[in-house]
Amino acid sequence: MGSSKGTFDIAAQTVANDIVSLLIKKQRDYGHGNILATGLLGIAVRQSDKAARLYHLVSEKKEPRNESLRDTLMDQAGYAIIGLMLLDGTFELELAPQSHKMDADSFAESNASSLRRIFSESIPVLTFPEDLPGTPRCPECGGPPDERVQAGMKCGICAYSEKREPGIWQWGS
């Protein structure tokens, strides 16, 4: 099962990118209303439904007919992200405008390419915990910075960038 190539770090980031890509696609279809109608209670119910489905299929050793186990787990992770966004007060943010957005496949490929480059070049990684006050945000879409950029600032969502001197992160704070 799976590939023996790469590292756990890259594999985890690839799965996370897949989840975010799916979440963005679904958000474009559903909008905010269905989640905001029930909030965290609705998230709990949806998570419970997915967990019950997963438990039933795995414990009974049944083959899924309509939705793969991977799809079920990706949906659970997506609901967890939505729940965290509700807690953080960021779920109601608008999606980037169509003219400004990357499609989900380009987003995933862009991040995978960046990760391959970063890990192959052993560039030190700067991190910005998003829960700290004053964390820089993109002036275009409000997204978090791409943590792997050392000189300047690049959005981790829409790829907007602004040049700054290394270590100076005044952008969008």
N, C-alpha and C. Protein backbone atom coordinates (compact mmCIF):
# COMPACT_ATOMS: atom_id res chain seq x y z
N MET A 1 0.85 -1.18 0.00
CA MET A 1 0.00 0.00 0.00
C MET A 1 0.89 1.24 0.00
N GLY A 2 0.71 2.15 -0.95
CA GLY A 2 1.47 3.37 -1.00
C GLY A 2 2.84 3.18 -1.61
N SER A 3 3.57 4.25 -1.70
CA SER A 3 4.90 4.25 -2.29
C SER A 3 5.95 4.32 -1.21
N SER A 4 7.09 3.71 -1.45
CA SER A 4 8.17 3.77 -0.48
C SER A 4 9.10 4.94 -0.77
N LYS A 5 8.81 5.73 -1.81
CA LYS A 5 9.64 6.87 -2.17
C LYS A 5 9.23 8.10 -1.38
N GLY A 6 10.17 9.03 -1.22
CA GLY A 6 9.86 10.29 -0.55
C GLY A 6 9.99 10.16 0.96
N THR A 7 9.44 11.15 1.63
CA THR A 7 9.49 11.17 3.10
C THR A 7 8.08 11.34 3.64
N PHE A 8 7.94 11.07 4.93
CA PHE A 8 6.66 11.26 5.60
C PHE A 8 6.20 12.70 5.43
N ASP A 9 7.13 13.65 5.57
CA ASP A 9 6.80 15.07 5.47
C ASP A 9 6.13 15.40 4.14
N ILE A 10 6.74 14.94 3.06
CA ILE A 10 6.21 15.22 1.73
C ILE A 10 4.88 14.51 1.53
N ALA A 11 4.79 13.26 1.97
CA ALA A 11 3.54 12.51 1.82
C ALA A 11 2.41 13.19 2.61
N ALA A 12 2.70 13.64 3.83
CA ALA A 12 1.68 14.31 4.65
C ALA A 12 1.24 15.61 3.99
N GLN A 13 2.19 16.38 3.46
CA GLN A 13 1.84 17.64 2.80
C GLN A 13 1.01 17.39 1.55
N THR A 14 1.31 16.32 0.82
CA THR A 14 0.55 15.98 -0.39
C THR A 14 -0.89 15.65 -0.03
N VAL A 15 -1.09 14.85 1.02
CA VAL A 15 -2.45 14.52 1.46
C VAL A 15 -3.17 15.78 1.93
N ALA A 16 -2.47 16.62 2.69
CA ALA A 16 -3.08 17.88 3.16
C ALA A 16 -3.49 18.75 1.98
N ASN A 17 -2.65 18.84 0.96
CA ASN A 17 -2.99 19.62 -0.23
C ASN A 17 -4.22 19.06 -0.93
N ASP A 18 -4.33 17.71 -1.00
CA ASP A 18 -5.50 17.09 -1.60
C ASP A 18 -6.77 17.47 -0.83
N ILE A 19 -6.68 17.47 0.48
CA ILE A 19 -7.83 17.81 1.33
C ILE A 19 -8.23 19.26 1.12
N VAL A 20 -7.25 20.17 1.12
CA VAL A 20 -7.54 21.59 0.92
C VAL A 20 -8.14 21.82 -0.47
N SER A 21 -7.59 21.17 -1.48
CA SER A 21 -8.12 21.32 -2.84
C SER A 21 -9.58 20.89 -2.90
N LEU A 22 -9.90 19.73 -2.30
CA LEU A 22 -11.27 19.25 -2.27
C LEU A 22 -12.17 20.21 -1.49
N LEU A 23 -11.68 20.69 -0.36
CA LEU A 23 -12.45 21.61 0.47
C LEU A 23 -12.79 22.88 -0.29
N ILE A 24 -11.84 23.43 -1.04
CA ILE A 24 -12.08 24.64 -1.82
C ILE A 24 -13.11 24.37 -2.91
N LYS A 25 -12.98 23.24 -3.60
CA LYS A 25 -13.95 22.89 -4.65
C LYS A 25 -15.36 22.79 -4.06
N LYS A 26 -15.48 22.10 -2.93
CA LYS A 26 -16.80 21.93 -2.31
C LYS A 26 -17.34 23.25 -1.79
N GLN A 27 -16.47 24.11 -1.26
CA GLN A 27 -16.93 25.40 -0.76
C GLN A 27 -17.49 26.24 -1.90
N ARG A 28 -16.89 26.14 -3.07
CA ARG A 28 -17.42 26.87 -4.24
C ARG A 28 -18.82 26.36 -4.59
N ASP A 29 -19.08 25.07 -4.41
CA ASP A 29 -20.40 24.50 -4.70
C ASP A 29 -21.43 24.78 -3.60
N TYR A 30 -21.03 24.62 -2.34
CA TYR A 30 -21.98 24.71 -1.23
C TYR A 30 -22.16 26.12 -0.68
N GLY A 31 -21.10 26.92 -0.65
CA GLY A 31 -21.17 28.22 0.00
C GLY A 31 -21.12 28.07 1.51
N HIS A 32 -21.45 29.14 2.22
CA HIS A 32 -21.35 29.16 3.68
C HIS A 32 -22.61 28.69 4.40
N GLY A 33 -23.76 28.84 3.74
CA GLY A 33 -25.05 28.68 4.41
C GLY A 33 -25.29 27.35 5.10
N ASN A 34 -24.94 26.25 4.45
CA ASN A 34 -25.25 24.95 5.04
C ASN A 34 -24.50 24.73 6.35
N ILE A 35 -23.29 25.20 6.46
CA ILE A 35 -22.51 25.04 7.70
C ILE A 35 -22.97 26.06 8.74
N LEU A 36 -23.17 27.30 8.32
CA LEU A 36 -23.54 28.35 9.27
C LEU A 36 -24.91 28.11 9.89
N ALA A 37 -25.77 27.36 9.20
CA ALA A 37 -27.11 27.07 9.73
C ALA A 37 -27.04 26.28 11.03
N THR A 38 -26.05 25.40 11.17
CA THR A 38 -25.96 24.55 12.36
C THR A 38 -24.63 24.66 13.10
N GLY A 39 -23.64 25.31 12.52
CA GLY A 39 -22.36 25.54 13.20
C GLY A 39 -21.65 24.26 13.59
N LEU A 40 -21.01 24.31 14.76
CA LEU A 40 -20.22 23.17 15.23
C LEU A 40 -21.07 21.93 15.49
N LEU A 41 -22.33 22.13 15.87
CA LEU A 41 -23.20 20.96 16.07
C LEU A 41 -23.38 20.22 14.74
N GLY A 42 -23.56 20.96 13.66
CA GLY A 42 -23.67 20.34 12.34
C GLY A 42 -22.39 19.61 11.95
N ILE A 43 -21.25 20.19 12.29
CA ILE A 43 -19.96 19.54 12.02
C ILE A 43 -19.89 18.23 12.79
N ALA A 44 -20.31 18.26 14.06
CA ALA A 44 -20.28 17.05 14.89
C ALA A 44 -21.16 15.95 14.30
N VAL A 45 -22.35 16.33 13.82
CA VAL A 45 -23.26 15.35 13.22
C VAL A 45 -22.65 14.76 11.94
N ARG A 46 -22.11 15.64 11.10
CA ARG A 46 -21.49 15.16 9.85
C ARG A 46 -20.31 14.23 10.14
N GLN A 47 -19.49 14.62 11.12
CA GLN A 47 -18.34 13.79 11.49
C GLN A 47 -18.83 12.44 12.03
N SER A 48 -19.89 12.47 12.82
CA SER A 48 -20.43 11.23 13.38
C SER A 48 -20.93 10.30 12.27
N ASP A 49 -21.61 10.87 11.28
CA ASP A 49 -22.08 10.07 10.14
C ASP A 49 -20.91 9.42 9.41
N LYS A 50 -19.88 10.19 9.16
CA LYS A 50 -18.70 9.67 8.44
C LYS A 50 -18.00 8.60 9.28
N ALA A 51 -17.88 8.84 10.59
CA ALA A 51 -17.22 7.86 11.47
C ALA A 51 -18.03 6.56 11.51
N ALA A 52 -19.35 6.66 11.58
CA ALA A 52 -20.20 5.45 11.61
C ALA A 52 -20.05 4.67 10.30
N ARG A 53 -20.01 5.39 9.19
CA ARG A 53 -19.84 4.73 7.88
C ARG A 53 -18.49 4.02 7.83
N LEU A 54 -17.45 4.70 8.23
CA LEU A 54 -16.10 4.12 8.22
C LEU A 54 -16.04 2.89 9.12
N TYR A 55 -16.57 3.01 10.32
CA TYR A 55 -16.56 1.89 11.26
C TYR A 55 -17.30 0.69 10.68
N HIS A 56 -18.48 0.93 10.12
CA HIS A 56 -19.29 -0.16 9.57
C HIS A 56 -18.54 -0.87 8.43
N LEU A 57 -18.01 -0.11 7.51
CA LEU A 57 -17.33 -0.72 6.36
C LEU A 57 -16.08 -1.49 6.78
N VAL A 58 -15.30 -0.92 7.69
CA VAL A 58 -14.06 -1.57 8.10
C VAL A 58 -14.35 -2.79 8.99
N SER A 59 -15.25 -2.64 9.96
CA SER A 59 -15.52 -3.75 10.88
C SER A 59 -16.23 -4.91 10.18
N GLU A 60 -17.05 -4.62 9.19
CA GLU A 60 -17.76 -5.67 8.45
C GLU A 60 -16.98 -6.14 7.23
N LYS A 61 -15.82 -5.53 7.00
CA LYS A 61 -14.98 -5.86 5.84
C LYS A 61 -15.77 -5.77 4.53
N LYS A 62 -16.54 -4.68 4.41
CA LYS A 62 -17.36 -4.47 3.22
C LYS A 62 -16.65 -3.52 2.26
N GLU A 63 -16.89 -3.75 0.98
CA GLU A 63 -16.38 -2.85 -0.05
C GLU A 63 -17.37 -1.69 -0.21
N PRO A 64 -16.88 -0.46 -0.18
CA PRO A 64 -17.78 0.67 -0.39
C PRO A 64 -18.36 0.66 -1.80
N ARG A 65 -19.62 1.07 -1.92
CA ARG A 65 -20.27 1.10 -3.24
C ARG A 65 -20.28 2.50 -3.84
N ASN A 66 -20.41 3.52 -3.02
CA ASN A 66 -20.62 4.87 -3.54
C ASN A 66 -19.47 5.83 -3.26
N GLU A 67 -18.77 5.62 -2.20
CA GLU A 67 -17.73 6.55 -1.77
C GLU A 67 -16.59 5.73 -1.19
N SER A 68 -15.38 5.98 -1.65
CA SER A 68 -14.24 5.20 -1.17
C SER A 68 -13.93 5.54 0.29
N LEU A 69 -13.16 4.67 0.94
CA LEU A 69 -12.72 4.96 2.30
C LEU A 69 -11.87 6.22 2.33
N ARG A 70 -11.06 6.41 1.28
CA ARG A 70 -10.25 7.63 1.18
C ARG A 70 -11.15 8.87 1.13
N ASP A 71 -12.23 8.81 0.34
CA ASP A 71 -13.17 9.93 0.27
C ASP A 71 -13.78 10.23 1.64
N THR A 72 -14.14 9.18 2.36
CA THR A 72 -14.73 9.35 3.69
C THR A 72 -13.74 10.04 4.62
N LEU A 73 -12.49 9.57 4.62
CA LEU A 73 -11.48 10.18 5.49
C LEU A 73 -11.16 11.61 5.08
N MET A 74 -11.13 11.87 3.77
CA MET A 74 -10.89 13.24 3.31
C MET A 74 -12.03 14.16 3.73
N ASP A 75 -13.27 13.68 3.66
CA ASP A 75 -14.40 14.48 4.12
C ASP A 75 -14.30 14.77 5.61
N GLN A 76 -13.91 13.75 6.40
CA GLN A 76 -13.75 13.97 7.84
C GLN A 76 -12.69 15.05 8.10
N ALA A 77 -11.58 14.98 7.39
CA ALA A 77 -10.52 15.98 7.57
C ALA A 77 -11.03 17.36 7.14
N GLY A 78 -11.79 17.40 6.05
CA GLY A 78 -12.37 18.67 5.59
C GLY A 78 -13.30 19.26 6.63
N TYR A 79 -14.14 18.43 7.25
CA TYR A 79 -15.03 18.92 8.31
C TYR A 79 -14.22 19.41 9.51
N ALA A 80 -13.12 18.73 9.81
CA ALA A 80 -12.27 19.19 10.92
C ALA A 80 -11.70 20.58 10.61
N ILE A 81 -11.26 20.79 9.37
CA ILE A 81 -10.74 22.10 8.97
C ILE A 81 -11.84 23.16 9.09
N ILE A 82 -13.04 22.83 8.62
CA ILE A 82 -14.15 23.78 8.72
C ILE A 82 -14.43 24.09 10.20
N GLY A 83 -14.43 23.06 11.04
CA GLY A 83 -14.65 23.28 12.47
C GLY A 83 -13.61 24.21 13.07
N LEU A 84 -12.35 24.00 12.71
CA LEU A 84 -11.28 24.89 13.19
C LEU A 84 -11.47 26.31 12.67
N MET A 85 -11.90 26.42 11.42
CA MET A 85 -12.15 27.76 10.85
C MET A 85 -13.31 28.44 11.56
N LEU A 86 -14.35 27.68 11.94
CA LEU A 86 -15.45 28.25 12.72
C LEU A 86 -14.93 28.77 14.06
N LEU A 87 -14.12 27.97 14.74
CA LEU A 87 -13.55 28.39 16.02
C LEU A 87 -12.66 29.62 15.88
N ASP A 88 -11.90 29.68 14.78
CA ASP A 88 -10.98 30.79 14.54
C ASP A 88 -11.68 32.03 13.97
N GLY A 89 -12.96 31.88 13.61
CA GLY A 89 -13.69 33.00 13.02
C GLY A 89 -13.31 33.28 11.57
N THR A 90 -12.78 32.29 10.86
CA THR A 90 -12.35 32.51 9.48
C THR A 90 -13.21 31.80 8.45
N PHE A 91 -14.20 31.02 8.88
CA PHE A 91 -15.00 30.26 7.92
C PHE A 91 -15.81 31.15 6.99
N GLU A 92 -16.24 32.31 7.48
CA GLU A 92 -17.08 33.19 6.66
C GLU A 92 -16.29 34.04 5.67
N LEU A 93 -14.97 33.91 5.65
CA LEU A 93 -14.18 34.63 4.66
C LEU A 93 -14.61 34.18 3.27
N GLU A 94 -14.59 35.12 2.33
CA GLU A 94 -14.95 34.79 0.96
C GLU A 94 -13.80 34.07 0.27
N LEU A 95 -14.13 33.23 -0.68
CA LEU A 95 -13.12 32.61 -1.53
C LEU A 95 -12.48 33.68 -2.39
N ALA A 96 -11.25 33.44 -2.82
CA ALA A 96 -10.59 34.37 -3.73
C ALA A 96 -11.44 34.49 -4.99
N PRO A 97 -11.50 35.68 -5.58
CA PRO A 97 -12.28 35.84 -6.82
C PRO A 97 -11.77 34.90 -7.91
N GLN A 98 -12.67 34.52 -8.79
CA GLN A 98 -12.31 33.60 -9.87
C GLN A 98 -11.09 34.08 -10.64
N SER A 99 -10.98 35.37 -10.93
CA SER A 99 -9.86 35.88 -11.72
C SER A 99 -8.55 35.79 -10.95
N HIS A 100 -8.62 35.65 -9.62
CA HIS A 100 -7.43 35.66 -8.79
C HIS A 100 -7.05 34.27 -8.28
N LYS A 101 -7.98 33.33 -8.35
CA LYS A 101 -7.75 32.02 -7.73
C LYS A 101 -6.94 31.10 -8.64
N MET A 102 -6.28 30.15 -8.01
CA MET A 102 -5.68 29.04 -8.73
C MET A 102 -6.72 27.93 -8.69
N ASP A 103 -6.82 27.13 -9.74
CA ASP A 103 -7.72 25.99 -9.61
C ASP A 103 -7.08 25.00 -8.65
N ALA A 104 -7.90 24.13 -8.10
CA ALA A 104 -7.45 23.23 -7.03
C ALA A 104 -6.29 22.36 -7.48
N ASP A 105 -6.29 21.87 -8.72
CA ASP A 105 -5.20 21.02 -9.19
C ASP A 105 -3.89 21.80 -9.29
N SER A 106 -3.97 23.05 -9.79
CA SER A 106 -2.77 23.88 -9.87
C SER A 106 -2.24 24.19 -8.49
N PHE A 107 -3.17 24.45 -7.54
CA PHE A 107 -2.78 24.72 -6.15
C PHE A 107 -2.00 23.54 -5.58
N ALA A 108 -2.53 22.35 -5.75
CA ALA A 108 -1.88 21.15 -5.21
C ALA A 108 -0.53 20.92 -5.88
N GLU A 109 -0.47 21.04 -7.20
CA GLU A 109 0.78 20.83 -7.93
C GLU A 109 1.81 21.88 -7.56
N SER A 110 1.37 23.12 -7.41
CA SER A 110 2.27 24.21 -7.03
C SER A 110 2.92 23.92 -5.68
N ASN A 111 2.12 23.49 -4.73
CA ASN A 111 2.66 23.19 -3.41
C ASN A 111 3.55 21.96 -3.44
N ALA A 112 3.18 20.94 -4.21
CA ALA A 112 4.02 19.74 -4.31
C ALA A 112 5.36 20.09 -4.94
N SER A 113 5.35 20.92 -5.98
CA SER A 113 6.61 21.32 -6.62
C SER A 113 7.48 22.09 -5.65
N SER A 114 6.86 23.00 -4.90
CA SER A 114 7.62 23.78 -3.92
C SER A 114 8.24 22.87 -2.87
N LEU A 115 7.47 21.91 -2.39
CA LEU A 115 8.00 21.00 -1.37
C LEU A 115 9.16 20.17 -1.90
N ARG A 116 9.00 19.66 -3.14
CA ARG A 116 10.11 18.89 -3.72
C ARG A 116 11.38 19.74 -3.79
N ARG A 117 11.22 21.00 -4.24
CA ARG A 117 12.37 21.90 -4.36
C ARG A 117 12.96 22.18 -2.98
N ILE A 118 12.12 22.48 -2.02
CA ILE A 118 12.59 22.84 -0.69
C ILE A 118 13.34 21.69 -0.03
N PHE A 119 12.74 20.50 -0.06
CA PHE A 119 13.39 19.38 0.60
C PHE A 119 14.65 18.95 -0.13
N SER A 120 14.69 19.10 -1.45
CA SER A 120 15.89 18.71 -2.19
C SER A 120 17.01 19.71 -1.99
N GLU A 121 16.69 20.99 -1.74
CA GLU A 121 17.71 22.01 -1.54
C GLU A 121 18.03 22.23 -0.07
N SER A 122 17.30 21.58 0.83
CA SER A 122 17.50 21.72 2.27
C SER A 122 17.46 23.17 2.73
N ILE A 123 16.49 23.92 2.24
CA ILE A 123 16.32 25.30 2.66
C ILE A 123 15.71 25.31 4.06
N PRO A 124 16.27 26.08 4.98
CA PRO A 124 15.65 26.17 6.31
C PRO A 124 14.22 26.70 6.19
N VAL A 125 13.34 26.18 7.02
CA VAL A 125 11.93 26.55 6.96
C VAL A 125 11.63 27.55 8.06
N LEU A 126 11.02 28.68 7.67
CA LEU A 126 10.53 29.66 8.64
C LEU A 126 9.08 29.35 8.90
N THR A 127 8.66 29.39 10.13
CA THR A 127 7.26 29.09 10.41
C THR A 127 6.60 30.27 11.10
N PHE A 128 5.33 30.43 10.85
CA PHE A 128 4.52 31.47 11.45
C PHE A 128 3.27 30.82 12.00
N PRO A 129 3.22 30.51 13.30
CA PRO A 129 2.00 29.90 13.83
C PRO A 129 0.82 30.83 13.58
N GLU A 130 -0.17 30.33 12.87
CA GLU A 130 -1.28 31.17 12.45
C GLU A 130 -2.17 31.61 13.61
N ASP A 131 -2.02 31.01 14.78
CA ASP A 131 -2.87 31.41 15.88
C ASP A 131 -2.29 32.53 16.70
N LEU A 132 -1.09 33.01 16.36
CA LEU A 132 -0.48 34.11 17.11
C LEU A 132 -0.99 35.45 16.58
N PRO A 133 -1.28 36.41 17.49
CA PRO A 133 -1.70 37.73 17.02
C PRO A 133 -0.59 38.35 16.17
N GLY A 134 -0.98 39.09 15.15
CA GLY A 134 -0.01 39.77 14.31
C GLY A 134 0.58 38.91 13.20
N THR A 135 0.09 37.67 13.03
CA THR A 135 0.60 36.84 11.95
C THR A 135 0.28 37.52 10.63
N PRO A 136 1.26 37.63 9.73
CA PRO A 136 1.00 38.30 8.45
C PRO A 136 -0.09 37.58 7.66
N ARG A 137 -0.89 38.36 6.95
CA ARG A 137 -1.96 37.82 6.10
C ARG A 137 -1.85 38.46 4.72
N CYS A 138 -2.28 37.76 3.72
CA CYS A 138 -2.24 38.25 2.34
C CYS A 138 -3.21 39.43 2.17
N PRO A 139 -2.73 40.54 1.58
CA PRO A 139 -3.63 41.67 1.37
C PRO A 139 -4.66 41.41 0.27
N GLU A 140 -4.45 40.38 -0.54
CA GLU A 140 -5.38 40.06 -1.61
C GLU A 140 -6.51 39.16 -1.15
N CYS A 141 -6.17 38.03 -0.45
CA CYS A 141 -7.22 37.06 -0.10
C CYS A 141 -7.30 36.78 1.40
N GLY A 142 -6.39 37.33 2.20
CA GLY A 142 -6.41 37.08 3.64
C GLY A 142 -5.77 35.77 4.04
N GLY A 143 -5.17 35.07 3.07
CA GLY A 143 -4.55 33.77 3.35
C GLY A 143 -3.26 33.89 4.13
N PRO A 144 -2.78 32.76 4.67
CA PRO A 144 -1.53 32.76 5.43
C PRO A 144 -0.33 32.82 4.49
N PRO A 145 0.82 33.21 5.02
CA PRO A 145 2.01 33.23 4.18
C PRO A 145 2.46 31.81 3.84
N ASP A 146 3.14 31.69 2.73
CA ASP A 146 3.81 30.44 2.38
C ASP A 146 5.05 30.42 3.26
N GLU A 147 5.08 29.52 4.23
CA GLU A 147 6.12 29.51 5.25
C GLU A 147 7.51 29.24 4.71
N ARG A 148 7.60 28.75 3.48
CA ARG A 148 8.89 28.35 2.96
C ARG A 148 9.64 29.47 2.25
N VAL A 149 9.04 30.65 2.14
CA VAL A 149 9.67 31.76 1.44
C VAL A 149 10.54 32.52 2.43
N GLN A 150 11.82 32.71 2.08
CA GLN A 150 12.73 33.39 2.99
C GLN A 150 12.84 34.89 2.70
N ALA A 151 12.93 35.27 1.44
CA ALA A 151 13.08 36.67 1.09
C ALA A 151 11.78 37.12 0.45
N GLY A 152 11.12 38.06 1.09
CA GLY A 152 9.85 38.52 0.58
C GLY A 152 8.72 37.74 1.22
N MET A 153 7.55 37.87 0.66
CA MET A 153 6.38 37.21 1.22
C MET A 153 5.56 36.68 0.06
N LYS A 154 5.06 35.46 0.19
CA LYS A 154 4.22 34.86 -0.83
C LYS A 154 3.04 34.20 -0.12
N CYS A 155 1.84 34.44 -0.63
CA CYS A 155 0.65 33.87 -0.04
C CYS A 155 0.62 32.36 -0.27
N GLY A 156 0.26 31.60 0.77
CA GLY A 156 0.15 30.15 0.65
C GLY A 156 -1.13 29.71 -0.04
N ILE A 157 -2.06 30.62 -0.32
CA ILE A 157 -3.33 30.29 -0.95
C ILE A 157 -3.36 30.76 -2.41
N CYS A 158 -3.15 32.06 -2.62
CA CYS A 158 -3.35 32.61 -3.96
C CYS A 158 -2.06 32.95 -4.68
N ALA A 159 -0.92 32.78 -4.05
CA ALA A 159 0.40 32.99 -4.63
C ALA A 159 0.73 34.47 -4.84
N TYR A 160 -0.09 35.40 -4.29
CA TYR A 160 0.27 36.82 -4.32
C TYR A 160 1.61 36.97 -3.63
N SER A 161 2.49 37.80 -4.16
CA SER A 161 3.78 37.96 -3.49
C SER A 161 4.17 39.42 -3.45
N GLU A 162 4.99 39.72 -2.46
CA GLU A 162 5.49 41.06 -2.25
C GLU A 162 6.92 40.92 -1.76
N LYS A 163 7.84 41.60 -2.37
CA LYS A 163 9.24 41.48 -1.98
C LYS A 163 9.52 42.30 -0.73
N ARG A 164 10.24 41.72 0.18
CA ARG A 164 10.72 42.37 1.40
C ARG A 164 12.12 41.84 1.66
N GLU A 165 12.84 42.52 2.52
CA GLU A 165 14.15 42.01 2.89
C GLU A 165 13.97 40.78 3.76
N PRO A 166 14.90 39.81 3.68
CA PRO A 166 14.76 38.60 4.50
C PRO A 166 14.56 38.95 5.97
N GLY A 167 13.61 38.27 6.57
CA GLY A 167 13.36 38.42 8.00
C GLY A 167 12.44 39.58 8.35
N ILE A 168 12.07 40.43 7.39
CA ILE A 168 11.18 41.54 7.67
C ILE A 168 9.81 41.19 7.14
N TRP A 169 8.88 40.95 8.04
CA TRP A 169 7.54 40.48 7.65
C TRP A 169 6.50 41.50 8.09
N GLN A 170 6.42 42.63 7.38
CA GLN A 170 5.48 43.68 7.73
C GLN A 170 4.22 43.57 6.90
N TRP A 171 4.19 42.70 5.94
CA TRP A 171 3.15 42.60 4.92
C TRP A 171 1.85 42.06 5.49
N GLY A 172 0.78 42.80 5.33
CA GLY A 172 -0.56 42.31 5.65
C GLY A 172 -0.82 42.00 7.11
N SER A 173 0.00 42.45 8.04
CA SER A 173 -0.19 42.12 9.46
C SER A 173 -1.41 42.83 10.02
